[in-house]
N, C-alpha and C. Protein backbone atom coordinates (compact mmCIF):
# COMPACT_ATOMS: atom_id res chain seq x y z
N MET A 1 27.59 -74.56 26.28
CA MET A 1 28.27 -73.62 25.43
C MET A 1 27.42 -72.37 25.31
N SER A 2 28.06 -71.25 25.41
CA SER A 2 27.36 -69.98 25.32
C SER A 2 27.21 -69.59 23.83
N ARG A 3 26.35 -68.63 23.58
CA ARG A 3 26.07 -68.17 22.24
C ARG A 3 27.34 -67.61 21.61
N GLN A 4 28.15 -66.84 22.38
CA GLN A 4 29.40 -66.24 21.86
C GLN A 4 30.40 -67.37 21.44
N LYS A 5 30.48 -68.40 22.27
CA LYS A 5 31.42 -69.49 21.95
C LYS A 5 30.97 -70.19 20.63
N LEU A 6 29.67 -70.37 20.53
CA LEU A 6 29.12 -71.00 19.34
C LEU A 6 29.44 -70.16 18.08
N ILE A 7 29.25 -68.84 18.20
CA ILE A 7 29.51 -67.91 17.07
C ILE A 7 30.98 -68.00 16.70
N LYS A 8 31.88 -67.96 17.69
CA LYS A 8 33.32 -68.06 17.41
C LYS A 8 33.68 -69.37 16.74
N GLN A 9 33.09 -70.45 17.17
CA GLN A 9 33.34 -71.75 16.60
C GLN A 9 32.88 -71.84 15.13
N LEU A 10 31.68 -71.25 14.92
CA LEU A 10 31.16 -71.23 13.56
C LEU A 10 32.00 -70.33 12.64
N GLN A 11 32.51 -69.23 13.18
CA GLN A 11 33.32 -68.32 12.39
C GLN A 11 34.66 -68.99 12.00
N LYS A 12 35.20 -69.88 12.83
CA LYS A 12 36.45 -70.59 12.44
C LYS A 12 36.19 -71.47 11.24
N LYS A 13 34.99 -72.12 11.20
CA LYS A 13 34.66 -72.97 10.07
C LYS A 13 34.21 -72.21 8.83
N ASN A 14 33.62 -71.04 9.00
CA ASN A 14 33.09 -70.21 7.94
C ASN A 14 33.68 -68.84 8.05
N SER A 15 34.86 -68.62 7.60
CA SER A 15 35.56 -67.37 7.77
C SER A 15 34.95 -66.29 6.88
N LYS A 16 34.14 -66.62 5.91
CA LYS A 16 33.51 -65.65 5.06
C LYS A 16 32.39 -64.86 5.76
N LEU A 17 31.81 -65.51 6.72
CA LEU A 17 30.69 -64.82 7.45
C LEU A 17 31.19 -64.07 8.64
N SER A 18 30.62 -62.89 8.86
CA SER A 18 31.01 -62.08 10.05
C SER A 18 30.22 -62.56 11.27
N GLN A 19 30.67 -62.02 12.45
CA GLN A 19 30.01 -62.43 13.70
C GLN A 19 28.59 -61.97 13.70
N SER A 20 28.27 -60.80 13.17
CA SER A 20 26.89 -60.33 13.17
C SER A 20 26.02 -61.15 12.28
N GLU A 21 26.55 -61.63 11.16
CA GLU A 21 25.75 -62.49 10.27
C GLU A 21 25.48 -63.84 10.90
N LEU A 22 26.49 -64.38 11.56
CA LEU A 22 26.30 -65.65 12.26
C LEU A 22 25.33 -65.54 13.43
N SER A 23 25.41 -64.39 14.12
CA SER A 23 24.46 -64.14 15.19
C SER A 23 23.05 -64.06 14.71
N GLU A 24 22.87 -63.42 13.55
CA GLU A 24 21.51 -63.33 12.94
C GLU A 24 21.02 -64.69 12.53
N VAL A 25 21.89 -65.52 11.99
CA VAL A 25 21.49 -66.88 11.60
C VAL A 25 21.00 -67.71 12.86
N ILE A 26 21.74 -67.59 13.93
CA ILE A 26 21.36 -68.31 15.17
C ILE A 26 20.04 -67.75 15.66
N ASN A 27 19.88 -66.42 15.69
CA ASN A 27 18.60 -65.82 16.10
C ASN A 27 17.44 -66.28 15.26
N ILE A 28 17.60 -66.35 13.97
CA ILE A 28 16.50 -66.84 13.08
C ILE A 28 16.18 -68.29 13.40
N LEU A 29 17.19 -69.11 13.62
CA LEU A 29 16.98 -70.54 13.88
C LEU A 29 16.20 -70.68 15.22
N LEU A 30 16.65 -70.00 16.23
CA LEU A 30 15.96 -70.08 17.55
C LEU A 30 14.56 -69.54 17.54
N LYS A 31 14.36 -68.42 16.80
CA LYS A 31 12.99 -67.88 16.74
C LYS A 31 12.07 -68.78 15.96
N SER A 32 12.55 -69.48 14.92
CA SER A 32 11.70 -70.38 14.22
C SER A 32 11.35 -71.60 15.01
N ILE A 33 12.31 -72.11 15.80
CA ILE A 33 12.03 -73.22 16.72
C ILE A 33 11.00 -72.80 17.74
N ASN A 34 11.18 -71.62 18.33
CA ASN A 34 10.25 -71.13 19.35
C ASN A 34 8.84 -70.97 18.80
N ASN A 35 8.71 -70.33 17.58
CA ASN A 35 7.38 -70.10 16.97
C ASN A 35 6.73 -71.39 16.59
N THR A 36 7.49 -72.37 16.11
CA THR A 36 6.87 -73.66 15.72
C THR A 36 6.27 -74.36 16.94
N ILE A 37 7.04 -74.41 18.01
CA ILE A 37 6.55 -75.08 19.23
C ILE A 37 5.41 -74.29 19.86
N LYS A 38 5.53 -72.95 19.80
CA LYS A 38 4.49 -72.10 20.40
C LYS A 38 3.13 -72.30 19.68
N ASN A 39 3.20 -72.58 18.38
CA ASN A 39 2.01 -72.83 17.59
C ASN A 39 1.42 -74.21 17.74
N GLY A 40 2.09 -75.01 18.59
CA GLY A 40 1.54 -76.35 18.86
C GLY A 40 2.04 -77.45 17.88
N ASN A 41 3.06 -77.10 17.11
CA ASN A 41 3.56 -78.09 16.14
C ASN A 41 4.85 -78.70 16.68
N ASN A 42 5.18 -79.89 16.19
CA ASN A 42 6.46 -80.55 16.52
C ASN A 42 7.50 -80.11 15.55
N LEU A 43 8.78 -80.16 15.96
CA LEU A 43 9.89 -79.75 15.11
C LEU A 43 10.86 -80.88 15.17
N GLU A 44 11.26 -81.36 14.00
CA GLU A 44 12.25 -82.42 13.91
C GLU A 44 13.41 -82.05 12.97
N ILE A 45 14.63 -82.20 13.53
CA ILE A 45 15.87 -82.01 12.71
C ILE A 45 16.47 -83.39 12.60
N ARG A 46 16.41 -83.95 11.45
CA ARG A 46 16.91 -85.30 11.24
C ARG A 46 18.35 -85.43 11.65
N GLY A 47 18.68 -86.46 12.37
CA GLY A 47 20.04 -86.69 12.84
C GLY A 47 20.35 -85.91 14.12
N PHE A 48 19.46 -85.07 14.59
CA PHE A 48 19.77 -84.29 15.81
C PHE A 48 18.70 -84.60 16.90
N GLY A 49 17.43 -84.35 16.55
CA GLY A 49 16.44 -84.63 17.57
C GLY A 49 15.11 -83.99 17.23
N ARG A 50 14.23 -84.08 18.20
CA ARG A 50 12.83 -83.63 17.98
C ARG A 50 12.34 -82.88 19.19
N TRP A 51 11.75 -81.73 18.95
CA TRP A 51 11.11 -80.91 20.00
C TRP A 51 9.58 -81.11 19.90
N PHE A 52 8.96 -81.26 21.01
CA PHE A 52 7.47 -81.42 20.99
C PHE A 52 6.93 -80.85 22.24
N GLY A 53 5.69 -80.43 22.23
CA GLY A 53 5.08 -79.84 23.36
C GLY A 53 4.01 -80.74 23.95
N ARG A 54 3.82 -80.66 25.27
CA ARG A 54 2.80 -81.42 25.94
C ARG A 54 2.00 -80.50 26.84
N LYS A 55 0.69 -80.67 26.73
CA LYS A 55 -0.15 -79.82 27.57
C LYS A 55 -0.41 -80.54 28.87
N LEU A 56 -0.13 -79.86 29.98
CA LEU A 56 -0.38 -80.42 31.31
C LEU A 56 -1.68 -79.91 31.81
N LYS A 57 -2.58 -80.75 32.23
CA LYS A 57 -3.90 -80.37 32.65
C LYS A 57 -3.85 -79.53 33.92
N GLU A 58 -4.90 -78.65 34.01
CA GLU A 58 -5.02 -77.95 35.25
C GLU A 58 -5.46 -78.88 36.38
N ASN A 59 -5.09 -78.52 37.59
CA ASN A 59 -5.38 -79.44 38.75
C ASN A 59 -5.94 -78.57 39.87
N TYR A 60 -7.13 -78.93 40.31
CA TYR A 60 -7.76 -78.18 41.39
C TYR A 60 -7.45 -78.85 42.76
N ASN A 61 -7.03 -80.08 42.78
CA ASN A 61 -6.85 -80.80 44.00
C ASN A 61 -5.37 -81.01 44.39
N ALA A 62 -4.46 -80.19 43.85
CA ALA A 62 -3.05 -80.37 44.21
C ALA A 62 -2.86 -79.86 45.60
N ARG A 63 -1.87 -80.47 46.28
CA ARG A 63 -1.54 -80.07 47.66
C ARG A 63 -0.09 -79.60 47.79
N ASN A 64 0.08 -78.57 48.61
CA ASN A 64 1.41 -78.11 48.92
C ASN A 64 1.94 -79.14 50.02
N PRO A 65 3.02 -79.86 49.71
CA PRO A 65 3.50 -80.88 50.66
C PRO A 65 3.96 -80.35 52.00
N ALA A 66 4.41 -79.12 52.00
CA ALA A 66 4.95 -78.54 53.27
C ALA A 66 3.79 -78.19 54.20
N THR A 67 2.69 -77.57 53.69
CA THR A 67 1.63 -77.09 54.54
C THR A 67 0.33 -77.94 54.41
N ASN A 68 0.34 -78.87 53.47
CA ASN A 68 -0.85 -79.72 53.19
C ASN A 68 -2.07 -78.87 52.78
N GLU A 69 -1.78 -77.71 52.21
CA GLU A 69 -2.83 -76.77 51.81
C GLU A 69 -3.20 -77.11 50.32
N LEU A 70 -4.48 -76.99 50.02
CA LEU A 70 -4.94 -77.17 48.61
C LEU A 70 -4.49 -76.00 47.79
N ILE A 71 -3.97 -76.26 46.62
CA ILE A 71 -3.58 -75.18 45.71
C ILE A 71 -4.14 -75.51 44.33
N TYR A 72 -4.23 -74.50 43.52
CA TYR A 72 -4.66 -74.65 42.12
C TYR A 72 -3.50 -74.56 41.22
N LYS A 73 -3.32 -75.52 40.29
CA LYS A 73 -2.26 -75.54 39.30
C LYS A 73 -2.92 -75.27 38.01
N PRO A 74 -2.62 -74.17 37.31
CA PRO A 74 -3.21 -73.86 36.01
C PRO A 74 -2.66 -74.78 34.89
N GLU A 75 -3.33 -74.77 33.75
CA GLU A 75 -2.92 -75.50 32.62
C GLU A 75 -1.57 -74.95 32.11
N LYS A 76 -0.66 -75.86 31.79
CA LYS A 76 0.65 -75.44 31.31
C LYS A 76 1.00 -76.20 30.04
N TYR A 77 1.95 -75.64 29.27
CA TYR A 77 2.44 -76.25 28.10
C TYR A 77 3.92 -76.53 28.33
N LYS A 78 4.32 -77.80 28.33
CA LYS A 78 5.68 -78.18 28.60
C LYS A 78 6.41 -78.60 27.33
N VAL A 79 7.60 -78.11 27.15
CA VAL A 79 8.38 -78.43 25.94
C VAL A 79 9.38 -79.57 26.32
N ARG A 80 9.44 -80.55 25.43
CA ARG A 80 10.30 -81.68 25.63
C ARG A 80 11.20 -81.86 24.41
N PHE A 81 12.37 -82.46 24.61
CA PHE A 81 13.33 -82.77 23.52
C PHE A 81 13.71 -84.16 23.56
N ARG A 82 13.62 -84.81 22.44
CA ARG A 82 14.04 -86.23 22.37
C ARG A 82 15.16 -86.32 21.32
N PRO A 83 16.36 -86.72 21.72
CA PRO A 83 17.47 -86.75 20.79
C PRO A 83 17.34 -88.00 19.82
N SER A 84 17.93 -87.83 18.65
CA SER A 84 17.82 -88.92 17.67
C SER A 84 18.77 -90.06 18.07
N LYS A 85 18.60 -91.16 17.40
CA LYS A 85 19.53 -92.35 17.66
C LYS A 85 20.90 -91.95 17.32
N ASN A 86 21.13 -91.19 16.23
CA ASN A 86 22.49 -90.83 15.84
C ASN A 86 23.16 -89.94 16.90
N LEU A 87 22.42 -88.99 17.49
CA LEU A 87 22.98 -88.12 18.47
C LEU A 87 23.29 -88.90 19.74
N LYS A 88 22.43 -89.82 20.13
CA LYS A 88 22.68 -90.66 21.30
C LYS A 88 23.92 -91.48 21.11
N LYS A 89 24.06 -92.03 19.90
CA LYS A 89 25.24 -92.87 19.61
C LYS A 89 26.52 -92.07 19.67
N LYS A 90 26.52 -90.84 19.14
CA LYS A 90 27.68 -89.99 19.14
C LYS A 90 28.06 -89.60 20.52
N ILE A 91 27.09 -89.29 21.39
CA ILE A 91 27.32 -88.82 22.73
C ILE A 91 27.93 -90.00 23.58
N ASN A 92 27.42 -91.21 23.33
CA ASN A 92 27.83 -92.33 24.18
C ASN A 92 29.04 -93.05 23.65
N GLU A 93 29.72 -92.58 22.63
CA GLU A 93 30.93 -93.19 22.12
C GLU A 93 32.10 -92.94 23.01
């Protein structure tokens, strides 16, 4: 679902809010999720799921499978999402 479709769907349910207000609410939500994970904290929305970050170690001995050449992989921070039991149940109904 695109951002515009989400805004239109939210506007149907909340006709008092304009599209710009709904867009601002979505922007604030996404920025706060982004900042929380960027600071190394986990974020949990009960009944929906949990975002958490994982640090991947740097690797000096990685190989390119095509050329068998040694390459360096720098340290990375990977974001993961784990859905809640309620969300899994609703999706699989």
